[in-house]
């Protein structure tokens, strides 16, 4: 306080020196009085009054006179400026004023304003968090009564799980159920489906029937929008409700045909197995398609990428005079594979296409390090078949054998490089 008064005296001295030089004695006295009063008022408002406010806040708060404490809410900007070098003390003062104001607002059922005030508190504690839960809970109930279900959900979902508010699950069920009905009425089926599944009480009034209505409507909408996976997901929830089974079968046919177009016959067969034999859509009879796919089931199992399980590569140098020979062989895996896909033709036949990867010798040397296998890839193109043939000729040196779900590649090439000797290169790989 002494420092503040010294500042006042300094200001007065400066002004007096200016006045003495410019005005007479009476006028000087009058002006001095005005200046003293003005400066005193200013200094009092800036330095003395804030401290008075702080003292009153602390005293009334300790005596639980919250109405008087709350009155200082409009003075917080002044106090913030006064305590600019002690922000910690300002936060304590601000807390006392705001929490007192909240108590009054809450008592008056002004939950929205109370919540906003709580959110302004710079140093929230457990009391603040709990009061926020209380406000949101009460706001949720209020919005439910006003049939503002979206707002009710917004507030109730923010209530802390640890708050253990009695009846909150029932309130949320009411909100979810009724907002779902609103979405259903406005044909916003996706949102309706999203909200109705949040209802926890399975015995909630007419819940099962309402779910069927929503899931059916959403499923049909998805079907019409060509979102067949989503349509199947929703319609399978409703069982035999209305004509849901017809849409399920039709969506299954479309999905199956899409997979056939992608040469994923294994996936198509899996989808068609869930479609009724009597189903027919877009000119496709399910029974006919299922018969075609089941007939090709063995071929379907043979498709995809299969790695070698048995390998043998050999190079022989044969003496033409008596057939005696010497050679080298390899039976180590190099990651060989066969990769096939099956395509269903319109007339019901199939194309089996792909590649087969293996290794061959293409020379002979008496020194082993000079005899190495080289990679080879051959194309497979079987067209218009009804089953996988037991023998398929790839070229003059290579053929592909098939038996009991396994492929075996046979490669053999003769190199007559001289009158006395010839080489034979052979490869046998089972996939």
Protein backbone atom coordinates (compact mmCIF):
# COMPACT_ATOMS: atom_id res chain seq x y z
CA UNK A 1 0.00 0.00 0.00
CA UNK A 2 2.94 2.34 0.77
CA UNK A 3 4.25 1.82 -2.74
CA UNK A 4 0.84 2.74 -4.20
CA UNK A 5 0.68 5.94 -2.14
CA UNK A 6 4.18 6.97 -3.21
CA UNK A 7 3.05 6.60 -6.83
CA UNK A 8 0.12 8.88 -6.09
CA UNK A 9 2.42 11.51 -4.51
CA UNK A 10 4.76 11.41 -7.49
CA UNK A 11 1.90 11.99 -9.91
CA UNK A 12 0.60 14.92 -7.81
CA UNK A 13 4.04 16.61 -7.62
CA UNK A 14 4.45 16.44 -11.40
CA UNK A 15 1.04 17.97 -12.03
CA UNK A 16 1.58 20.71 -9.37
CA UNK A 17 4.80 21.85 -11.02
CA UNK A 18 2.96 22.20 -14.34
CA UNK A 19 0.03 24.08 -12.76
CA UNK A 20 2.24 26.57 -10.80
CA UNK A 21 3.75 27.76 -14.01
CA UNK A 22 0.45 28.39 -15.81
CA UNK A 23 -2.37 29.42 -13.38
CA UNK A 24 -3.07 31.70 -10.36
CA UNK A 25 -3.15 30.55 -6.77
CA UNK A 26 -6.93 29.99 -6.37
CA UNK A 27 -7.24 28.19 -9.63
CA UNK A 28 -4.18 26.19 -8.69
CA UNK A 29 -5.78 24.99 -5.47
CA UNK A 30 -8.98 23.98 -7.28
CA UNK A 31 -7.11 22.09 -9.94
CA UNK A 32 -4.95 20.33 -7.37
CA UNK A 33 -8.06 19.13 -5.57
CA UNK A 34 -9.55 17.78 -8.79
CA UNK A 35 -6.31 16.07 -9.75
CA UNK A 36 -5.86 14.56 -6.30
CA UNK A 37 -9.39 13.21 -6.29
CA UNK A 38 -9.10 11.82 -9.85
CA UNK A 39 -5.76 10.18 -9.29
CA UNK A 40 -6.88 8.82 -5.96
CA UNK A 41 -10.00 7.35 -7.53
CA UNK A 42 -7.99 5.81 -10.38
CA UNK A 43 -5.32 4.38 -8.11
CA UNK A 44 -7.94 3.12 -5.74
CA UNK A 45 -9.83 1.35 -8.54
CA UNK A 46 -6.70 -0.14 -10.02
CA UNK A 47 -4.84 -1.18 -6.88
CA UNK A 48 -6.99 -0.93 -3.76
CA UNK A 49 -10.38 -2.10 -5.00
CA UNK A 50 -9.12 -5.38 -6.57
CA UNK A 51 -7.51 -6.36 -3.28
CA UNK A 52 -10.77 -5.54 -1.50
CA UNK A 53 -12.62 -7.83 -3.98
CA UNK A 54 -10.18 -10.67 -3.39
CA UNK A 55 -10.55 -10.34 0.39
CA UNK A 56 -14.36 -10.37 0.09
CA UNK A 57 -14.33 -13.42 -2.19
CA UNK A 58 -12.12 -15.41 0.17
CA UNK A 59 -14.07 -14.37 3.26
CA UNK A 60 -17.53 -15.12 1.78
CA UNK A 61 -16.37 -18.38 0.22
CA UNK A 62 -15.05 -19.63 3.54
CA UNK A 63 -18.41 -18.73 5.09
CA UNK A 64 -20.23 -20.50 2.18
CA UNK A 65 -22.01 -17.31 1.13
CA UNK A 66 -22.04 -18.38 -2.51
CA UNK A 67 -24.48 -15.67 -3.65
CA UNK A 68 -22.06 -12.95 -2.57
CA UNK A 69 -19.09 -14.76 -4.09
CA UNK A 70 -20.89 -15.21 -7.41
CA UNK A 71 -21.51 -11.46 -7.62
CA UNK A 72 -17.82 -10.98 -8.42
CA UNK A 73 -18.05 -12.87 -11.74
CA UNK A 74 -18.16 -9.54 -13.60
CA UNK A 75 -14.96 -8.41 -11.81
CA UNK A 76 -12.80 -11.35 -12.92
CA UNK A 77 -11.20 -9.45 -15.83
CA UNK A 78 -10.12 -6.72 -13.41
CA UNK A 79 -8.74 -9.29 -10.97
CA UNK A 80 -6.91 -11.13 -13.77
CA UNK A 81 -5.14 -7.87 -14.68
CA UNK A 82 -4.38 -7.15 -11.02
CA UNK A 83 -2.92 -10.65 -10.51
CA UNK A 84 -1.10 -10.86 -13.82
CA UNK A 85 2.12 -11.80 -12.05
CA UNK A 86 0.47 -14.41 -9.86
CA UNK A 87 -1.67 -16.52 -12.20
CA UNK A 88 -1.88 -19.31 -9.63
CA UNK A 89 -3.75 -17.07 -7.20
CA UNK A 90 -6.01 -15.84 -10.00
CA UNK A 91 -6.99 -19.43 -10.86
CA UNK A 92 -7.91 -20.04 -7.23
CA UNK A 93 -10.04 -16.88 -7.12
CA UNK A 94 -11.65 -17.66 -10.48
CA UNK A 95 -12.48 -21.18 -9.28
CA UNK A 96 -14.26 -19.90 -6.17
CA UNK A 97 -16.34 -17.40 -8.13
CA UNK A 98 -17.28 -19.79 -10.96
CA UNK A 99 -18.11 -22.79 -8.77
CA UNK A 100 -20.31 -20.54 -6.59
CA UNK A 101 -22.10 -19.27 -9.70
CA UNK A 102 -22.58 -22.89 -10.84
CA UNK A 103 -24.24 -23.84 -7.56
CA UNK A 104 -26.77 -21.05 -7.99
CA UNK A 105 -27.46 -21.88 -11.65
CA UNK A 106 -27.83 -25.58 -10.87
CA UNK A 107 -30.22 -24.83 -8.01
CA UNK A 108 -32.28 -22.74 -10.42
CA UNK A 109 -32.25 -25.64 -12.96
CA UNK A 110 -30.27 -23.60 -15.47
CA UNK A 111 -28.20 -26.69 -16.34
CA UNK A 112 -27.04 -25.44 -19.71
CA UNK A 113 -25.57 -22.21 -18.27
CA UNK A 114 -24.14 -24.12 -15.33
CA UNK A 115 -22.33 -26.48 -17.72
CA UNK A 116 -20.95 -23.58 -19.75
CA UNK A 117 -19.69 -21.95 -16.55
CA UNK A 118 -18.02 -25.17 -15.43
CA UNK A 119 -16.20 -25.36 -18.75
CA UNK A 120 -14.74 -21.89 -18.11
CA UNK A 121 -12.97 -22.98 -14.91
CA UNK A 122 -9.21 -22.83 -15.43
CA UNK A 123 -8.32 -25.37 -12.77
CA UNK A 124 -10.99 -28.10 -12.80
CA UNK A 125 -10.96 -30.75 -10.08
CA UNK A 126 -13.08 -33.79 -9.19
CA UNK A 127 -15.86 -31.51 -7.93
CA UNK A 128 -16.02 -29.81 -11.33
CA UNK A 129 -16.03 -33.09 -13.27
CA UNK A 130 -18.77 -34.51 -11.07
CA UNK A 131 -20.85 -31.36 -11.48
CA UNK A 132 -20.44 -31.59 -15.24
CA UNK A 133 -21.84 -35.13 -15.12
CA UNK A 134 -24.74 -33.88 -12.99
CA UNK A 135 -25.51 -31.09 -15.49
CA UNK A 136 -25.33 -33.37 -18.51
CA UNK A 137 -27.53 -35.95 -16.83
CA UNK A 138 -30.16 -33.34 -16.02
CA UNK A 139 -29.89 -31.82 -19.51
CA UNK A 140 -30.39 -35.27 -21.00
CA UNK A 141 -33.60 -35.74 -19.03
CA UNK A 142 -34.76 -32.26 -19.99
CA UNK A 143 -34.16 -32.85 -23.72
CA UNK A 144 -35.93 -36.20 -23.55
CA UNK A 145 -39.05 -34.54 -22.17
CA UNK A 146 -38.81 -31.98 -24.97
CA UNK A 147 -38.40 -34.83 -27.53
CA UNK A 148 -35.04 -33.44 -28.59
CA UNK A 149 -33.54 -36.91 -28.79
CA UNK A 150 -30.33 -35.99 -30.61
CA UNK A 151 -29.45 -33.44 -27.93
CA UNK A 152 -30.39 -35.88 -25.18
CA UNK A 153 -28.01 -38.48 -26.64
CA UNK A 154 -25.26 -35.89 -27.04
CA UNK A 155 -25.37 -34.99 -23.34
CA UNK A 156 -26.05 -38.43 -21.86
CA UNK A 157 -23.25 -40.09 -23.82
CA UNK A 158 -20.79 -37.61 -22.30
CA UNK A 159 -21.67 -38.59 -18.74
CA UNK A 160 -18.69 -40.40 -17.25
CA UNK A 161 -19.02 -44.18 -16.92
CA UNK A 162 -17.71 -43.83 -13.37
CA UNK A 163 -20.54 -41.52 -12.40
CA UNK A 164 -22.88 -44.49 -11.77
CA UNK A 165 -25.92 -42.38 -12.54
CA UNK A 166 -28.98 -44.41 -11.67
CA UNK A 167 -31.35 -44.78 -14.61
CA UNK A 168 -28.98 -43.45 -17.26
CA UNK A 169 -29.16 -46.68 -19.31
CA UNK A 170 -32.95 -46.44 -19.42
CA UNK A 171 -32.73 -42.79 -20.48
CA UNK A 172 -30.29 -43.63 -23.24
CA UNK A 173 -32.50 -46.50 -24.42
CA UNK A 174 -35.41 -44.07 -24.66
CA UNK A 175 -33.31 -41.62 -26.63
CA UNK A 176 -31.83 -44.22 -28.98
CA UNK A 177 -35.19 -45.85 -29.63
CA UNK A 178 -37.07 -42.64 -30.33
CA UNK A 179 -34.36 -41.07 -32.46
CA UNK A 180 -34.35 -44.30 -34.49
CA UNK A 181 -38.09 -43.93 -35.08
CA UNK A 182 -37.51 -40.35 -36.23
CA UNK A 183 -34.83 -41.48 -38.67
CA UNK A 184 -37.11 -44.28 -39.89
CA UNK A 185 -39.95 -41.85 -40.48
CA UNK A 186 -37.62 -39.54 -42.42
CA UNK A 187 -36.25 -42.51 -44.43
CA UNK A 188 -32.74 -42.11 -43.04
CA UNK A 189 -32.43 -45.87 -42.64
CA UNK A 190 -28.67 -46.02 -42.15
CA UNK A 191 -28.79 -43.71 -39.12
CA UNK A 192 -31.86 -45.54 -37.81
CA UNK A 193 -30.01 -48.87 -37.99
CA UNK A 194 -26.99 -47.37 -36.27
CA UNK A 195 -28.99 -45.96 -33.33
CA UNK A 196 -31.45 -48.82 -32.78
CA UNK A 197 -28.66 -51.30 -32.18
CA UNK A 198 -27.47 -49.19 -29.23
CA UNK A 199 -30.61 -50.01 -27.21
CA UNK A 200 -29.37 -52.32 -24.44
CA UNK A 201 -32.67 -53.52 -22.98
CA UNK A 202 -33.75 -56.37 -25.29
CA UNK A 203 -37.19 -56.28 -23.68
CA UNK A 204 -37.69 -52.64 -24.58
CA UNK A 205 -41.19 -51.87 -25.82
CA UNK A 206 -41.68 -53.33 -29.35
CA UNK A 207 -37.90 -53.34 -29.94
CA UNK A 208 -37.75 -56.58 -31.93
CA UNK A 209 -40.45 -55.48 -34.39
CA UNK A 210 -38.93 -52.01 -34.79
CA UNK A 211 -35.53 -53.51 -35.52
CA UNK A 212 -37.04 -55.67 -38.27
CA UNK A 213 -38.70 -52.62 -39.84
CA UNK A 214 -35.45 -50.64 -39.79
CA UNK A 215 -33.10 -53.40 -40.94
CA UNK A 216 -35.49 -54.43 -43.71
CA UNK A 217 -35.89 -50.86 -44.99
CA UNK A 218 -32.14 -50.25 -44.83
CA UNK A 219 -31.39 -53.58 -46.54
CA UNK A 220 -33.77 -52.88 -49.42
CA UNK A 221 -32.28 -49.40 -49.82
CA UNK A 222 -28.78 -50.90 -49.97
CA UNK A 223 -29.96 -53.44 -52.54
CA UNK A 224 -31.47 -50.73 -54.74
CA UNK A 225 -28.23 -48.75 -54.45
CA UNK A 226 -26.24 -51.86 -55.51
CA UNK A 227 -24.55 -52.17 -52.11
CA UNK A 228 -25.14 -55.91 -52.03
CA UNK A 229 -22.82 -56.80 -49.15
CA UNK A 230 -24.52 -54.22 -46.93
CA UNK A 231 -27.92 -55.41 -48.13
CA UNK A 232 -27.10 -58.99 -47.13
CA UNK A 233 -25.80 -57.88 -43.73
CA UNK A 234 -29.02 -56.01 -42.89
CA UNK A 235 -31.58 -58.39 -44.42
CA UNK A 236 -30.10 -61.48 -42.77
CA UNK A 237 -30.98 -59.88 -39.42
CA UNK A 238 -34.73 -59.97 -40.12
CA UNK A 239 -35.25 -63.63 -41.03
CA UNK A 240 -38.49 -64.18 -42.93
CA UNK A 241 -39.81 -60.65 -42.41
CA UNK A 242 -41.88 -59.60 -45.45
CA UNK A 243 -40.02 -60.55 -48.65
CA UNK A 244 -36.54 -60.24 -47.14
CA UNK A 245 -35.60 -63.75 -48.33
CA UNK A 246 -36.23 -62.74 -51.95
CA UNK A 247 -33.87 -59.77 -51.61
CA UNK A 248 -31.29 -61.96 -49.85
CA UNK A 249 -31.37 -64.48 -52.71
CA UNK A 250 -31.23 -61.76 -55.37
CA UNK A 251 -28.30 -60.05 -53.63
CA UNK A 252 -26.60 -63.43 -53.37
CA UNK A 253 -27.02 -64.03 -57.11
CA UNK A 254 -25.58 -60.61 -57.97
CA UNK A 255 -22.68 -61.07 -55.58
CA UNK A 256 -22.05 -64.59 -56.91
CA UNK A 257 -22.04 -63.37 -60.51
CA UNK A 258 -19.62 -60.58 -59.62
CA UNK A 259 -17.26 -63.14 -58.14
CA UNK A 260 -17.60 -65.33 -61.24
CA UNK A 261 -16.68 -62.31 -63.39
CA UNK A 262 -13.55 -61.95 -61.22
CA UNK A 263 -12.78 -65.68 -61.74
CA UNK A 264 -13.26 -66.28 -58.02
CA UNK A 265 -15.34 -69.41 -58.48
CA UNK A 266 -14.52 -70.66 -55.01
CA UNK A 267 -16.05 -67.53 -53.50
CA UNK A 268 -18.99 -67.73 -55.92
CA UNK A 269 -19.75 -71.31 -54.90
CA UNK A 270 -19.68 -70.32 -51.24
CA UNK A 271 -22.18 -67.50 -51.92
CA UNK A 272 -24.45 -69.60 -54.11
CA UNK A 273 -24.62 -72.32 -51.47
CA UNK A 274 -26.64 -69.85 -49.38
CA UNK A 275 -29.05 -69.01 -52.22
CA UNK A 276 -32.37 -70.85 -52.62
CA UNK A 277 -32.51 -73.25 -55.58
CA UNK A 278 -35.74 -71.58 -56.72
CA UNK A 279 -34.20 -68.11 -56.86
CA UNK A 280 -33.95 -66.35 -60.23
CA UNK A 281 -32.70 -62.83 -60.93
CA UNK A 282 -31.44 -60.95 -64.00
CA UNK A 283 -31.94 -64.06 -66.15
CA UNK A 284 -29.77 -66.21 -63.87
CA UNK A 285 -31.33 -69.36 -62.41
CA UNK A 286 -29.67 -70.19 -59.11
CA UNK A 287 -30.23 -73.94 -59.49
CA UNK A 288 -28.46 -74.04 -62.88
CA UNK A 289 -25.54 -71.93 -61.69
CA UNK A 290 -25.11 -73.97 -58.51
CA UNK A 291 -25.06 -77.17 -60.56
CA UNK A 292 -22.33 -75.76 -62.82
CA UNK A 293 -20.23 -74.60 -59.89
CA UNK A 294 -20.62 -77.83 -57.93
CA UNK A 295 -19.63 -79.81 -61.00
CA UNK A 296 -16.47 -77.74 -61.15
CA UNK A 297 -15.78 -78.04 -57.42
CA UNK A 298 -12.79 -80.35 -58.01
CA UNK A 299 -11.35 -77.90 -60.53
CA UNK A 300 -12.01 -75.00 -58.16
CA UNK A 301 -9.95 -76.68 -55.45
CA UNK A 302 -7.07 -76.99 -57.88
CA UNK A 303 -6.94 -73.23 -58.55
CA UNK A 304 -4.84 -70.60 -56.83
CA UNK A 305 -1.12 -70.68 -56.14
CA UNK A 306 0.38 -73.99 -55.05
CA UNK A 307 4.05 -74.46 -54.23
CA UNK A 308 6.17 -77.47 -55.11
CA UNK A 309 6.19 -80.39 -52.69
CA UNK A 310 8.64 -82.62 -54.60
CA UNK A 311 11.43 -81.61 -56.99
CA UNK A 312 13.97 -83.42 -59.16
CA UNK A 313 16.20 -81.81 -61.82
CA UNK A 314 18.79 -83.79 -63.77
CA UNK A 315 21.35 -83.41 -66.54
CA UNK A 316 22.89 -86.53 -68.17
CA UNK A 317 25.77 -86.92 -70.58
CA UNK A 318 25.12 -90.14 -72.55
CA UNK A 319 27.64 -92.08 -74.69
CA UNK A 320 25.85 -93.02 -77.89
CA UNK A 321 27.89 -96.24 -78.32
CA UNK A 322 26.53 -98.19 -75.31
CA UNK A 323 24.14 -95.80 -73.52
CA UNK A 324 26.35 -95.40 -70.47
CA UNK A 325 26.09 -91.99 -68.78
CA UNK A 326 27.14 -89.72 -66.03
CA UNK A 327 25.34 -86.67 -64.69
CA UNK A 328 24.26 -84.32 -61.95
CA UNK A 329 20.92 -83.82 -60.15
CA UNK A 330 19.25 -81.25 -57.89
CA UNK A 331 16.32 -81.76 -55.47
CA UNK A 332 16.44 -78.48 -53.55
CA UNK A 333 13.43 -76.13 -53.65
CA UNK A 334 13.79 -72.74 -55.32
CA UNK A 335 10.24 -71.55 -54.53
CA UNK A 336 8.65 -73.21 -57.58
CA UNK A 337 4.88 -72.84 -57.94
CA UNK A 338 1.89 -73.25 -60.20
CA UNK A 339 -0.68 -70.45 -60.27
CA UNK A 340 -4.07 -71.11 -61.88
CA UNK A 341 -7.44 -69.45 -62.21
CA UNK A 342 -10.68 -70.93 -63.50
CA UNK A 343 -13.10 -69.03 -65.74
CA UNK A 344 -16.71 -70.09 -66.29
CA UNK A 345 -17.91 -69.67 -69.88
CA UNK A 346 -21.49 -68.84 -70.87
CA UNK A 347 -22.11 -72.31 -72.30
CA UNK A 348 -21.07 -73.91 -69.02
CA UNK A 349 -17.55 -74.97 -69.97
CA UNK A 350 -14.40 -73.68 -68.27
CA UNK A 351 -11.09 -72.09 -69.11
CA UNK A 352 -8.15 -72.98 -66.89
CA UNK A 353 -5.38 -70.44 -67.26
CA UNK A 354 -2.17 -69.55 -65.50
CA UNK A 355 1.56 -70.15 -65.27
CA UNK A 356 3.86 -72.85 -63.96
CA UNK A 357 7.30 -72.00 -62.58
CA UNK A 358 10.18 -74.52 -62.49
CA UNK A 359 13.92 -74.93 -63.27
CA UNK A 360 15.91 -76.81 -65.93
CA UNK A 361 19.46 -77.74 -66.82
CA UNK A 362 20.56 -76.54 -70.25
CA UNK A 363 24.13 -77.90 -70.34
CA UNK A 364 26.46 -80.53 -68.92
CA UNK A 365 29.97 -80.32 -67.49
CA UNK A 366 32.16 -82.78 -65.67
CA UNK A 367 32.70 -79.99 -63.14
CA UNK A 368 29.68 -79.65 -60.87
CA UNK A 369 30.10 -75.92 -60.29
CA UNK A 370 29.61 -75.33 -64.01
CA UNK A 371 26.27 -77.14 -64.03
CA UNK A 372 23.49 -74.89 -62.70
CA UNK A 373 19.71 -74.92 -63.17
CA UNK A 374 17.95 -71.93 -64.73
CA UNK A 375 14.40 -70.66 -64.07
CA UNK A 376 11.64 -71.27 -66.61
CA UNK A 377 8.01 -70.10 -66.70
CA UNK A 378 5.44 -71.71 -68.98
CA UNK A 379 1.91 -70.56 -69.81
CA UNK A 380 -1.12 -72.80 -69.27
CA UNK A 381 -4.19 -72.19 -71.38
CA UNK A 382 -6.83 -74.93 -71.28
CA UNK A 383 -10.02 -73.67 -72.98
CA UNK A 384 -13.55 -75.05 -73.18
CA UNK A 385 -12.89 -77.93 -70.77
CA UNK A 386 -15.42 -79.70 -68.55
CA UNK A 387 -12.80 -81.21 -66.28
CA UNK A 388 -9.05 -81.00 -65.82
CA UNK A 389 -7.39 -83.41 -68.29
CA UNK A 390 -5.00 -86.01 -66.90
CA UNK A 391 -2.36 -84.89 -69.41
CA UNK A 392 -1.93 -81.44 -70.94
CA UNK A 393 0.82 -80.75 -73.45
CA UNK A 394 2.39 -77.34 -72.90
CA UNK A 395 5.03 -77.61 -75.65
CA UNK A 396 7.20 -80.28 -77.32
CA UNK A 397 9.35 -80.66 -74.20
CA UNK A 398 6.85 -80.00 -71.42
CA UNK A 399 3.61 -81.58 -70.25
CA UNK A 400 1.43 -81.20 -67.19
CA UNK A 401 -0.10 -84.22 -65.48
CA UNK A 402 -3.07 -84.07 -63.12
CA UNK A 403 -4.26 -86.71 -60.65
CA UNK A 404 -6.13 -86.60 -57.34
CA UNK A 405 -5.86 -82.84 -56.93
CA UNK A 406 -2.12 -82.65 -57.65
CA UNK A 407 -0.23 -81.39 -60.69
CA UNK A 408 3.07 -82.85 -61.84
CA UNK A 409 5.20 -81.10 -64.42
CA UNK A 410 7.38 -83.23 -66.72
CA UNK A 411 10.11 -81.63 -68.80
CA UNK A 412 12.56 -83.54 -71.02
CA UNK A 413 14.88 -82.27 -73.73
CA UNK A 414 17.63 -84.05 -75.72
CA UNK A 415 20.68 -82.16 -76.98
CA UNK A 416 22.60 -84.06 -79.73
CA UNK A 417 25.65 -81.89 -79.57
CA UNK A 418 28.11 -84.48 -81.13
CA UNK A 419 28.30 -87.79 -82.97
CA UNK A 420 29.44 -89.71 -79.92
CA UNK A 421 27.53 -88.03 -77.08
CA UNK A 422 24.21 -86.37 -76.31
CA UNK A 423 22.79 -84.64 -73.23
CA UNK A 424 19.39 -85.20 -71.67
CA UNK A 425 17.89 -82.47 -69.46
CA UNK A 426 14.89 -83.49 -67.36
CA UNK A 427 12.75 -81.88 -64.67
CA UNK A 428 9.97 -83.36 -62.56
CA UNK A 429 8.06 -81.12 -60.14
CA UNK A 430 4.97 -82.01 -58.11
CA UNK A 431 2.73 -79.17 -56.89
